[in-house]
N, C-alpha and C. Protein backbone atom coordinates (compact mmCIF):
# COMPACT_ATOMS: atom_id res chain seq x y z
N MET A 1 -85.36 46.00 22.98
CA MET A 1 -85.47 45.72 21.60
C MET A 1 -84.04 45.78 20.95
N LYS A 2 -83.69 44.75 20.28
CA LYS A 2 -82.39 44.83 19.66
C LYS A 2 -82.32 45.78 18.46
N GLN A 3 -81.24 46.41 18.30
CA GLN A 3 -81.02 47.42 17.20
C GLN A 3 -80.71 46.71 15.89
N THR A 4 -81.13 47.33 14.80
CA THR A 4 -80.89 46.86 13.48
C THR A 4 -79.49 47.34 13.08
N MET A 5 -78.98 46.80 11.99
CA MET A 5 -77.70 47.23 11.49
C MET A 5 -77.69 48.72 11.20
N GLY A 6 -78.75 49.13 10.58
CA GLY A 6 -78.90 50.57 10.19
C GLY A 6 -78.89 51.50 11.42
N GLN A 7 -79.51 51.00 12.54
CA GLN A 7 -79.53 51.78 13.74
C GLN A 7 -78.12 51.88 14.33
N ARG A 8 -77.39 50.74 14.28
CA ARG A 8 -76.01 50.72 14.85
C ARG A 8 -75.14 51.63 14.00
N LEU A 9 -75.24 51.56 12.65
CA LEU A 9 -74.41 52.40 11.83
C LEU A 9 -74.66 53.86 12.06
N SER A 10 -75.99 54.22 12.13
CA SER A 10 -76.35 55.65 12.43
C SER A 10 -75.82 56.11 13.70
N ALA A 11 -75.98 55.35 14.80
CA ALA A 11 -75.51 55.70 16.13
C ALA A 11 -73.98 55.84 16.16
N LEU A 12 -73.32 54.92 15.45
CA LEU A 12 -71.88 55.05 15.46
C LEU A 12 -71.43 56.34 14.71
N ARG A 13 -72.07 56.57 13.68
CA ARG A 13 -71.74 57.85 12.90
C ARG A 13 -71.98 59.09 13.69
N GLU A 14 -73.11 59.16 14.29
CA GLU A 14 -73.58 60.36 15.12
C GLU A 14 -72.62 60.52 16.33
N ALA A 15 -72.24 59.34 16.93
CA ALA A 15 -71.29 59.48 18.12
C ALA A 15 -69.96 59.93 17.70
N LYS A 16 -69.58 59.62 16.42
CA LYS A 16 -68.26 60.05 16.01
C LYS A 16 -68.31 61.55 15.50
N GLY A 17 -69.52 62.08 15.44
CA GLY A 17 -69.67 63.48 15.06
C GLY A 17 -69.48 63.68 13.57
N ALA A 18 -69.74 62.62 12.80
CA ALA A 18 -69.53 62.63 11.30
C ALA A 18 -70.87 62.73 10.60
N ASN A 19 -70.93 63.28 9.42
CA ASN A 19 -72.08 63.13 8.60
C ASN A 19 -71.81 62.02 7.57
N GLN A 20 -72.84 61.71 6.78
CA GLN A 20 -72.71 60.70 5.74
C GLN A 20 -71.67 61.03 4.71
N ILE A 21 -71.46 62.27 4.37
CA ILE A 21 -70.50 62.56 3.44
C ILE A 21 -69.08 62.35 3.94
N ASP A 22 -68.85 62.67 5.26
CA ASP A 22 -67.56 62.33 5.86
C ASP A 22 -67.26 60.87 5.79
N VAL A 23 -68.22 60.10 6.20
CA VAL A 23 -68.08 58.63 6.16
C VAL A 23 -67.80 58.09 4.64
N ALA A 24 -68.57 58.66 3.69
CA ALA A 24 -68.46 58.27 2.33
C ALA A 24 -67.04 58.53 1.85
N GLU A 25 -66.50 59.74 2.14
CA GLU A 25 -65.13 60.09 1.71
C GLU A 25 -64.09 59.27 2.36
N ALA A 26 -64.27 58.89 3.71
CA ALA A 26 -63.24 58.13 4.43
C ALA A 26 -63.27 56.65 4.07
N THR A 27 -64.45 56.17 3.59
CA THR A 27 -64.52 54.74 3.29
C THR A 27 -64.61 54.38 1.85
N GLY A 28 -64.78 55.34 1.02
CA GLY A 28 -64.96 55.09 -0.45
C GLY A 28 -66.22 54.63 -0.85
N LEU A 29 -67.23 54.68 0.00
CA LEU A 29 -68.58 54.22 -0.22
C LEU A 29 -69.48 55.45 -0.59
N GLY A 30 -70.49 55.26 -1.34
CA GLY A 30 -71.38 56.31 -1.73
C GLY A 30 -72.18 56.79 -0.64
N ARG A 31 -72.53 58.11 -0.58
CA ARG A 31 -73.44 58.64 0.43
C ARG A 31 -74.80 58.04 0.43
N THR A 32 -75.34 57.93 -0.81
CA THR A 32 -76.68 57.36 -0.97
C THR A 32 -76.73 55.87 -0.59
N PHE A 33 -75.62 55.13 -0.77
CA PHE A 33 -75.55 53.74 -0.29
C PHE A 33 -75.51 53.75 1.27
N LEU A 34 -74.70 54.65 1.78
CA LEU A 34 -74.70 54.72 3.29
C LEU A 34 -76.09 55.04 3.89
N SER A 35 -76.77 55.92 3.22
CA SER A 35 -78.11 56.28 3.71
C SER A 35 -79.01 55.09 3.63
N MET A 36 -78.93 54.33 2.52
CA MET A 36 -79.85 53.15 2.48
C MET A 36 -79.41 52.16 3.51
N LEU A 37 -78.13 51.99 3.78
CA LEU A 37 -77.72 51.06 4.88
C LEU A 37 -78.32 51.44 6.21
N GLU A 38 -78.24 52.76 6.47
CA GLU A 38 -78.72 53.28 7.77
C GLU A 38 -80.25 53.15 7.89
N LYS A 39 -80.98 53.20 6.74
CA LYS A 39 -82.38 53.05 6.81
C LYS A 39 -82.78 51.56 6.61
N ASP A 40 -81.80 50.65 6.66
CA ASP A 40 -82.03 49.15 6.54
C ASP A 40 -82.76 48.84 5.23
N LYS A 41 -82.50 49.65 4.13
CA LYS A 41 -83.07 49.39 2.89
C LYS A 41 -82.11 48.60 1.93
N LYS A 42 -80.96 48.38 2.46
CA LYS A 42 -79.92 47.75 1.62
C LYS A 42 -78.97 47.01 2.60
N GLN A 43 -78.43 45.88 2.15
CA GLN A 43 -77.42 45.14 2.85
C GLN A 43 -76.04 45.39 2.23
N GLY A 44 -75.02 45.55 3.07
CA GLY A 44 -73.70 45.78 2.43
C GLY A 44 -73.04 44.51 2.09
N SER A 45 -72.06 44.66 1.16
CA SER A 45 -71.15 43.50 0.84
C SER A 45 -70.18 43.37 1.95
N ILE A 46 -69.46 42.24 1.97
CA ILE A 46 -68.28 42.07 2.95
C ILE A 46 -67.34 43.26 2.83
N ALA A 47 -67.00 43.67 1.61
CA ALA A 47 -66.07 44.73 1.43
C ALA A 47 -66.56 46.05 2.06
N SER A 48 -67.82 46.39 1.72
CA SER A 48 -68.39 47.63 2.38
C SER A 48 -68.49 47.55 3.85
N LEU A 49 -68.82 46.37 4.50
CA LEU A 49 -69.00 46.32 5.84
C LEU A 49 -67.55 46.35 6.46
N ALA A 50 -66.55 45.79 5.81
CA ALA A 50 -65.22 45.83 6.27
C ALA A 50 -64.68 47.33 6.40
N ALA A 51 -64.99 48.02 5.31
CA ALA A 51 -64.61 49.41 5.25
C ALA A 51 -65.26 50.25 6.39
N LEU A 52 -66.56 49.96 6.66
CA LEU A 52 -67.28 50.66 7.74
C LEU A 52 -66.75 50.20 9.13
N ALA A 53 -66.47 48.90 9.29
CA ALA A 53 -65.92 48.38 10.57
C ALA A 53 -64.57 48.99 10.87
N ASP A 54 -63.79 49.14 9.82
CA ASP A 54 -62.46 49.77 10.06
C ASP A 54 -62.62 51.22 10.46
N TYR A 55 -63.45 51.93 9.74
CA TYR A 55 -63.78 53.34 10.01
C TYR A 55 -64.16 53.54 11.47
N TYR A 56 -65.16 52.72 11.89
CA TYR A 56 -65.79 52.88 13.19
C TYR A 56 -65.01 52.09 14.31
N GLN A 57 -63.98 51.35 13.84
CA GLN A 57 -63.18 50.50 14.84
C GLN A 57 -64.06 49.51 15.62
N VAL A 58 -64.93 48.83 14.91
CA VAL A 58 -65.68 47.79 15.43
C VAL A 58 -65.58 46.60 14.58
N SER A 59 -66.13 45.42 14.97
CA SER A 59 -66.01 44.29 14.09
C SER A 59 -67.19 44.25 13.11
N ILE A 60 -67.08 43.44 12.10
CA ILE A 60 -68.09 43.31 11.12
C ILE A 60 -69.22 42.65 11.74
N ASP A 61 -68.99 41.66 12.65
CA ASP A 61 -69.99 40.95 13.47
C ASP A 61 -70.83 42.00 14.18
N TYR A 62 -70.21 42.97 14.73
CA TYR A 62 -70.92 44.00 15.48
C TYR A 62 -71.85 44.77 14.51
N LEU A 63 -71.34 45.19 13.42
CA LEU A 63 -72.15 45.91 12.48
C LEU A 63 -73.31 45.07 12.06
N TYR A 64 -73.02 43.88 11.58
CA TYR A 64 -74.08 43.06 10.98
C TYR A 64 -74.94 42.44 11.95
N ARG A 65 -74.52 41.86 12.99
CA ARG A 65 -75.27 41.10 13.91
C ARG A 65 -75.48 41.66 15.36
N GLY A 66 -74.70 42.73 15.68
CA GLY A 66 -74.79 43.31 16.94
C GLY A 66 -73.96 42.55 18.03
N ILE A 67 -73.08 41.73 17.51
CA ILE A 67 -72.14 40.92 18.33
C ILE A 67 -70.93 41.81 18.69
N PRO A 68 -70.67 42.08 19.97
CA PRO A 68 -69.56 42.91 20.36
C PRO A 68 -68.21 42.41 19.83
N SER A 69 -67.35 43.41 19.60
CA SER A 69 -66.08 43.09 19.04
C SER A 69 -65.24 42.39 20.07
N PRO A 70 -64.50 41.27 19.73
CA PRO A 70 -63.72 40.47 20.66
C PRO A 70 -62.49 41.21 21.12
N ASN A 71 -62.16 42.32 20.41
CA ASN A 71 -60.94 43.03 20.83
C ASN A 71 -61.19 44.05 22.04
N VAL A 72 -62.48 44.07 22.49
CA VAL A 72 -62.75 44.82 23.65
C VAL A 72 -62.69 43.89 24.89
N SER A 73 -61.59 43.77 25.55
CA SER A 73 -61.38 42.83 26.49
C SER A 73 -62.27 42.85 27.71
N ALA A 74 -62.90 41.71 28.07
CA ALA A 74 -63.73 41.47 29.24
C ALA A 74 -64.85 42.49 29.35
N GLN A 75 -65.37 43.00 28.27
CA GLN A 75 -66.48 43.91 28.41
C GLN A 75 -67.39 43.67 27.25
N ILE A 76 -68.68 43.51 27.69
CA ILE A 76 -69.73 43.32 26.69
C ILE A 76 -70.38 44.66 26.35
N LEU A 77 -70.38 45.03 25.07
CA LEU A 77 -71.00 46.28 24.66
C LEU A 77 -72.49 46.04 24.45
N ASP A 78 -73.31 46.85 25.10
CA ASP A 78 -74.79 46.62 25.02
C ASP A 78 -75.41 47.22 23.77
N ASN A 79 -74.74 48.27 23.19
CA ASN A 79 -75.42 48.94 22.13
C ASN A 79 -74.38 49.74 21.26
N ALA A 80 -74.90 50.36 20.23
CA ALA A 80 -74.00 51.10 19.37
C ALA A 80 -73.37 52.28 20.02
N GLU A 81 -74.05 52.86 21.01
CA GLU A 81 -73.54 54.08 21.65
C GLU A 81 -72.22 53.61 22.50
N GLU A 82 -72.29 52.51 23.20
CA GLU A 82 -71.13 52.04 23.92
C GLU A 82 -69.93 51.78 22.90
N ALA A 83 -70.29 51.13 21.76
CA ALA A 83 -69.18 50.79 20.87
C ALA A 83 -68.64 52.19 20.28
N ALA A 84 -69.55 53.14 20.11
CA ALA A 84 -69.06 54.44 19.58
C ALA A 84 -68.10 55.07 20.66
N TRP A 85 -68.48 54.98 21.91
CA TRP A 85 -67.58 55.55 23.01
C TRP A 85 -66.17 54.88 22.93
N VAL A 86 -66.14 53.53 22.72
CA VAL A 86 -64.89 52.87 22.66
C VAL A 86 -64.10 53.34 21.46
N GLY A 87 -64.78 53.48 20.31
CA GLY A 87 -64.15 53.98 19.12
C GLY A 87 -63.56 55.34 19.29
N LEU A 88 -64.43 56.22 19.87
CA LEU A 88 -63.92 57.62 20.09
C LEU A 88 -62.74 57.63 21.12
N TRP A 89 -62.79 56.84 22.12
CA TRP A 89 -61.62 56.70 23.03
C TRP A 89 -60.41 56.36 22.37
N ARG A 90 -60.50 55.37 21.51
CA ARG A 90 -59.27 54.89 20.74
C ARG A 90 -58.84 56.01 19.82
N ASP A 91 -59.64 56.90 19.39
CA ASP A 91 -59.19 58.01 18.49
C ASP A 91 -58.52 59.15 19.24
N MET A 92 -58.66 59.16 20.59
CA MET A 92 -58.14 60.24 21.34
C MET A 92 -56.64 60.01 21.72
N ASN A 93 -55.93 61.19 21.86
CA ASN A 93 -54.56 61.05 22.42
C ASN A 93 -54.76 61.11 23.95
N GLU A 94 -53.67 60.99 24.71
CA GLU A 94 -53.74 60.92 26.14
C GLU A 94 -54.31 62.20 26.77
N LYS A 95 -53.95 63.29 26.30
CA LYS A 95 -54.51 64.67 26.80
C LYS A 95 -55.99 64.66 26.67
N GLN A 96 -56.47 64.27 25.45
CA GLN A 96 -57.88 64.26 25.25
C GLN A 96 -58.61 63.32 26.13
N ARG A 97 -58.03 62.18 26.38
CA ARG A 97 -58.65 61.15 27.29
C ARG A 97 -58.80 61.72 28.62
N ARG A 98 -57.73 62.37 29.16
CA ARG A 98 -57.84 63.00 30.55
C ARG A 98 -58.92 63.99 30.63
N MET A 99 -58.98 64.82 29.58
CA MET A 99 -59.98 65.92 29.51
C MET A 99 -61.46 65.28 29.45
N ALA A 100 -61.56 64.31 28.61
CA ALA A 100 -62.91 63.63 28.52
C ALA A 100 -63.26 62.96 29.79
N LEU A 101 -62.37 62.32 30.48
CA LEU A 101 -62.72 61.74 31.81
C LEU A 101 -63.14 62.84 32.85
N ALA A 102 -62.35 63.96 32.88
CA ALA A 102 -62.72 65.06 33.83
C ALA A 102 -64.07 65.60 33.52
N LEU A 103 -64.41 65.72 32.25
CA LEU A 103 -65.79 66.30 31.88
C LEU A 103 -66.89 65.34 32.22
N ILE A 104 -66.66 64.07 32.03
CA ILE A 104 -67.58 63.06 32.40
C ILE A 104 -67.86 63.01 33.81
N GLN A 105 -66.71 63.00 34.65
CA GLN A 105 -66.75 62.98 36.11
C GLN A 105 -67.52 64.19 36.66
N ALA A 106 -67.21 65.41 36.06
CA ALA A 106 -67.89 66.63 36.52
C ALA A 106 -69.38 66.49 36.21
N ALA A 107 -69.75 65.94 35.10
CA ALA A 107 -71.24 65.81 34.83
C ALA A 107 -71.87 64.90 35.75
N ILE A 108 -71.24 63.83 36.12
CA ILE A 108 -71.78 62.83 37.10
C ILE A 108 -71.90 63.52 38.48
N ASN A 109 -70.84 64.25 38.86
CA ASN A 109 -70.93 64.91 40.15
C ASN A 109 -72.01 65.92 40.24
N THR A 110 -72.23 66.61 39.10
CA THR A 110 -73.33 67.68 39.03
C THR A 110 -74.68 67.00 39.10
N ASP A 111 -74.82 65.81 38.47
CA ASP A 111 -76.15 65.19 38.49
C ASP A 111 -76.39 64.54 39.90
N ALA A 112 -75.42 64.10 40.55
CA ALA A 112 -75.52 63.54 41.84
C ALA A 112 -75.86 64.51 42.98
N ALA A 113 -75.57 65.83 42.68
CA ALA A 113 -75.70 66.88 43.74
C ALA A 113 -77.21 67.39 43.81
């Protein structure tokens, strides 16, 4: 089943480890407005979607229609969690990326054993 815009926004926020207040402060949008967006009770304007897309480092098309961002080369993102991983990766410095990869590899090796 395809995710709604609200589900994508909620998953992106949670994957970033942010709460609605954090997102509101970073984007200039109201917390109540963000809550309504995440519950699919309101649709955002182009300006509000642009602010959220910038914050989460995804395209407006991804937020609104679930269409993956064209700036992720040769990879199709299946869901908001994958887009959130890409956003988190972009936020990391090189040391953090190496550490994240080591932790993920260790988790995979543990599950395989």
